[in-house]
C-alpha atoms as a PDB file:
ATOM      1  CA  GLN A   1      -0.202  -0.022  -0.051  1.00  0.00           C
ATOM      2  CA  VAL A   2       2.807   2.675   1.583  1.00  0.00           C
ATOM      3  CA  GLN A   3       5.394   3.084  -0.335  1.00  0.00           C
ATOM      4  CA  LEU A   4       8.909   2.850   2.773  1.00  0.00           C
ATOM      5  CA  VAL A   5      11.846   3.695   1.379  1.00  0.00           C
ATOM      6  CA  GLU A   6      14.980   3.892   3.660  1.00  0.00           C
ATOM      7  CA  SER A   7      17.592   6.192   4.926  1.00  0.00           C
ATOM      8  CA  GLY A   8      20.029   7.124   7.013  1.00  0.00           C
ATOM      9  CA  GLY A   9      22.549   4.389   7.349  1.00  0.00           C
ATOM     10  CA  GLY A  10      26.311   5.008   7.693  1.00  0.00           C
ATOM     11  CA  SER A  11      29.845   4.295   9.133  1.00  0.00           C
ATOM     12  CA  VAL A  12      30.733   5.238  12.870  1.00  0.00           C
ATOM     13  CA  GLN A  13      32.484   4.100  15.287  1.00  0.00           C
ATOM     14  CA  ALA A  14      31.723   1.560  18.166  1.00  0.00           C
ATOM     15  CA  GLY A  15      29.910   3.976  20.727  1.00  0.00           C
ATOM     16  CA  GLY A  16      28.680   6.043  18.333  1.00  0.00           C
ATOM     17  CA  SER A  17      24.913   7.319  17.190  1.00  0.00           C
ATOM     18  CA  LEU A  18      23.332   6.412  14.018  1.00  0.00           C
ATOM     19  CA  ARG A  19      19.049   7.782  12.715  1.00  0.00           C
ATOM     20  CA  LEU A  20      17.634   6.330  10.828  1.00  0.00           C
ATOM     21  CA  SER A  21      14.169   6.771   8.972  1.00  0.00           C
ATOM     22  CA  CYS A  22      11.659   5.082   6.900  1.00  0.00           C
ATOM     23  CA  ALA A  23       9.563   7.604   4.868  1.00  0.00           C
ATOM     24  CA  ALA A  24       6.151   6.601   3.844  1.00  0.00           C
ATOM     25  CA  SER A  25       4.514   7.863   0.515  1.00  0.00           C
ATOM     26  CA  GLY A  26       1.375   8.092   2.651  1.00  0.00           C
ATOM     27  CA  SER A  27      -0.296   8.839   5.938  1.00  0.00           C
ATOM     28  CA  ILE A  28       0.840   6.897   8.412  1.00  0.00           C
ATOM     29  CA  LEU A  29      -1.896   7.476  10.671  1.00  0.00           C
ATOM     30  CA  SER A  30      -4.015   4.252   9.994  1.00  0.00           C
ATOM     31  CA  ILE A  31      -0.414   1.513   9.452  1.00  0.00           C
ATOM     32  CA  ASN A  32      -0.976  -0.372  12.439  1.00  0.00           C
ATOM     33  CA  TYR A  33       2.394  -1.582  12.947  1.00  0.00           C
ATOM     34  CA  MET A  34       5.608   0.169  12.014  1.00  0.00           C
ATOM     35  CA  GLY A  35       8.605  -1.987  12.776  1.00  0.00           C
ATOM     36  CA  TRP A  36      13.116  -1.810  11.936  1.00  0.00           C
ATOM     37  CA  TYR A  37      14.589  -5.068  10.727  1.00  0.00           C
ATOM     38  CA  ARG A  38      18.285  -6.291  10.118  1.00  0.00           C
ATOM     39  CA  GLN A  39      20.188  -8.415   8.596  1.00  0.00           C
ATOM     40  CA  ALA A  40      23.886  -9.108   8.299  1.00  0.00           C
ATOM     41  CA  PRO A  41      26.863 -10.367   6.507  1.00  0.00           C
ATOM     42  CA  GLY A  42      25.694 -14.247   6.726  1.00  0.00           C
ATOM     43  CA  LYS A  43      22.845 -14.004   8.746  1.00  0.00           C
ATOM     44  CA  GLN A  44      18.948 -14.044   8.736  1.00  0.00           C
ATOM     45  CA  ARG A  45      16.686 -10.874   8.772  1.00  0.00           C
ATOM     46  CA  GLU A  46      15.932 -10.277  12.411  1.00  0.00           C
ATOM     47  CA  LEU A  47      13.584  -7.944  14.088  1.00  0.00           C
ATOM     48  CA  VAL A  48      14.987  -5.052  15.991  1.00  0.00           C
ATOM     49  CA  ALA A  49      12.070  -2.697  16.818  1.00  0.00           C
ATOM     50  CA  PHE A  50       8.270  -2.097  16.307  1.00  0.00           C
ATOM     51  CA  ILE A  51       5.747  -0.049  17.167  1.00  0.00           C
ATOM     52  CA  ALA A  52       2.172   0.442  17.171  1.00  0.00           C
ATOM     53  CA  ARG A  53      -0.344   2.778  16.028  1.00  0.00           C
ATOM     54  CA  GLY A  54      -1.144   3.531  19.937  1.00  0.00           C
ATOM     55  CA  GLY A  55       2.428   4.162  20.313  1.00  0.00           C
ATOM     56  CA  GLY A  56       3.506   0.462  22.152  1.00  0.00           C
ATOM     57  CA  THR A  57       6.864  -0.628  21.329  1.00  0.00           C
ATOM     58  CA  ASN A  58       9.077  -3.641  21.539  1.00  0.00           C
ATOM     59  CA  TYR A  59      12.840  -4.344  21.271  1.00  0.00           C
ATOM     60  CA  ALA A  60      14.809  -6.983  20.722  1.00  0.00           C
ATOM     61  CA  ASP A  61      16.988  -8.018  23.732  1.00  0.00           C
ATOM     62  CA  SER A  62      19.827  -7.065  21.473  1.00  0.00           C
ATOM     63  CA  VAL A  63      19.610  -3.522  20.994  1.00  0.00           C
ATOM     64  CA  LYS A  64      16.811  -2.507  24.544  1.00  0.00           C
ATOM     65  CA  GLY A  65      18.315   0.172  26.232  1.00  0.00           C
ATOM     66  CA  ARG A  66      20.058   1.210  23.318  1.00  0.00           C
ATOM     67  CA  PHE A  67      17.358   1.672  20.353  1.00  0.00           C
ATOM     68  CA  THR A  68      15.095   4.315  19.886  1.00  0.00           C
ATOM     69  CA  ILE A  69      12.224   3.677  17.855  1.00  0.00           C
ATOM     70  CA  SER A  70       9.396   6.198  17.178  1.00  0.00           C
ATOM     71  CA  ARG A  71       7.078   7.495  14.686  1.00  0.00           C
ATOM     72  CA  ASP A  72       6.291  11.238  13.589  1.00  0.00           C
ATOM     73  CA  ASN A  73       2.658  10.804  11.826  1.00  0.00           C
ATOM     74  CA  ALA A  74       2.975  14.514  10.881  1.00  0.00           C
ATOM     75  CA  LYS A  75       6.076  14.036   8.846  1.00  0.00           C
ATOM     76  CA  ASN A  76       4.917  10.404   7.620  1.00  0.00           C
ATOM     77  CA  THR A  77       8.232   9.020   8.949  1.00  0.00           C
ATOM     78  CA  LEU A  78       9.189   6.130  11.328  1.00  0.00           C
ATOM     79  CA  ASN A  79      12.475   6.699  13.124  1.00  0.00           C
ATOM     80  CA  LEU A  80      15.093   4.573  15.029  1.00  0.00           C
ATOM     81  CA  ARG A  81      17.518   6.454  17.599  1.00  0.00           C
ATOM     82  CA  MET A  82      20.726   3.785  17.228  1.00  0.00           C
ATOM     83  CA  ASN A  83      23.201   5.294  20.325  1.00  0.00           C
ATOM     84  CA  SER A  84      26.577   2.740  21.987  1.00  0.00           C
ATOM     85  CA  LEU A  85      26.777   1.287  18.302  1.00  0.00           C
ATOM     86  CA  LYS A  86      28.064  -1.880  18.399  1.00  0.00           C
ATOM     87  CA  PRO A  87      30.205  -3.871  15.320  1.00  0.00           C
ATOM     88  CA  GLU A  88      27.454  -6.661  15.927  1.00  0.00           C
ATOM     89  CA  ASP A  89      24.843  -3.763  14.406  1.00  0.00           C
ATOM     90  CA  THR A  90      26.527  -3.779  11.441  1.00  0.00           C
ATOM     91  CA  ALA A  91      23.639  -5.194   8.868  1.00  0.00           C
ATOM     92  CA  VAL A  92      21.579  -3.543   6.338  1.00  0.00           C
ATOM     93  CA  TYR A  93      18.805  -1.779   7.537  1.00  0.00           C
ATOM     94  CA  TYR A  94      14.658  -2.021   6.249  1.00  0.00           C
ATOM     95  CA  CYS A  95      11.830  -0.882   7.815  1.00  0.00           C
ATOM     96  CA  ASN A  96       8.300  -2.925   6.831  1.00  0.00           C
ATOM     97  CA  SER A  97       4.880  -2.465   8.051  1.00  0.00           C
ATOM     98  CA  ALA A  98       1.855  -4.029   8.804  1.00  0.00           C
ATOM     99  CA  VAL A  99      -1.979  -5.326   9.734  1.00  0.00           C
ATOM    100  CA  THR A 100      -0.673  -7.038  12.596  1.00  0.00           C
ATOM    101  CA  ARG A 101       1.535  -7.895  15.408  1.00  0.00           C
ATOM    102  CA  THR A 102       1.961 -11.440  14.205  1.00  0.00           C
ATOM    103  CA  THR A 103       3.293 -10.112  10.781  1.00  0.00           C
ATOM    104  CA  MET A 104       5.959  -7.637  12.383  1.00  0.00           C
ATOM    105  CA  THR A 105       7.455 -11.067  14.847  1.00  0.00           C
ATOM    106  CA  THR A 106       6.985 -13.534  11.834  1.00  0.00           C
ATOM    107  CA  LEU A 107       8.504 -11.641   9.052  1.00  0.00           C
ATOM    108  CA  ALA A 108       5.761 -12.477   6.978  1.00  0.00           C
ATOM    109  CA  PHE A 109       6.361  -8.955   4.578  1.00  0.00           C
ATOM    110  CA  ARG A 110       5.373 -10.006   0.988  1.00  0.00           C
ATOM    111  CA  SER A 111       8.486  -7.704  -0.037  1.00  0.00           C
ATOM    112  CA  TRP A 112      10.891  -5.626   1.519  1.00  0.00           C
ATOM    113  CA  GLY A 113      13.149  -2.182   0.442  1.00  0.00           C
ATOM    114  CA  GLN A 114      16.110  -1.462   0.012  1.00  0.00           C
ATOM    115  CA  GLY A 115      17.673  -0.619   2.947  1.00  0.00           C
ATOM    116  CA  THR A 116      19.959   1.311   4.617  1.00  0.00           C
ATOM    117  CA  GLN A 117      23.531   0.524   5.646  1.00  0.00           C
ATOM    118  CA  VAL A 118      25.020   0.136   9.422  1.00  0.00           C
ATOM    119  CA  THR A 119      29.141   0.035   9.087  1.00  0.00           C
ATOM    120  CA  VAL A 120      29.742  -0.296  13.037  1.00  0.00           C
ATOM    121  CA  SER A 121      33.760  -0.943  12.966  1.00  0.00           C
ATOM    122  CA  SER A 122      35.835  -0.985  16.435  1.00  0.00           C
END
């Protein structure tokens, strides 16, 4: 339905921060769930965090306390603030949206965007 485009990736040293943005082609007010995923080289794509329409959030244990997901409904964007980055966070980061929570947790999406590369050096 809505087109999503990730941006904000880059290279940073361990301990640094980055903010990723996911721009939607239209209003996100009616999107039940939006989230961030990542895929590191040689690994499966995994859930990083997702946020519900009402603002409730869920984080992977590996990023809890370091990353913050948010929605900016006025700008039709999904954001991910990443602090205290570690080399293990190096991956291509993707955003996606769904009607159900189950889709978010099972990664049952029909398609993915191109993502944005995050590289954390030690």
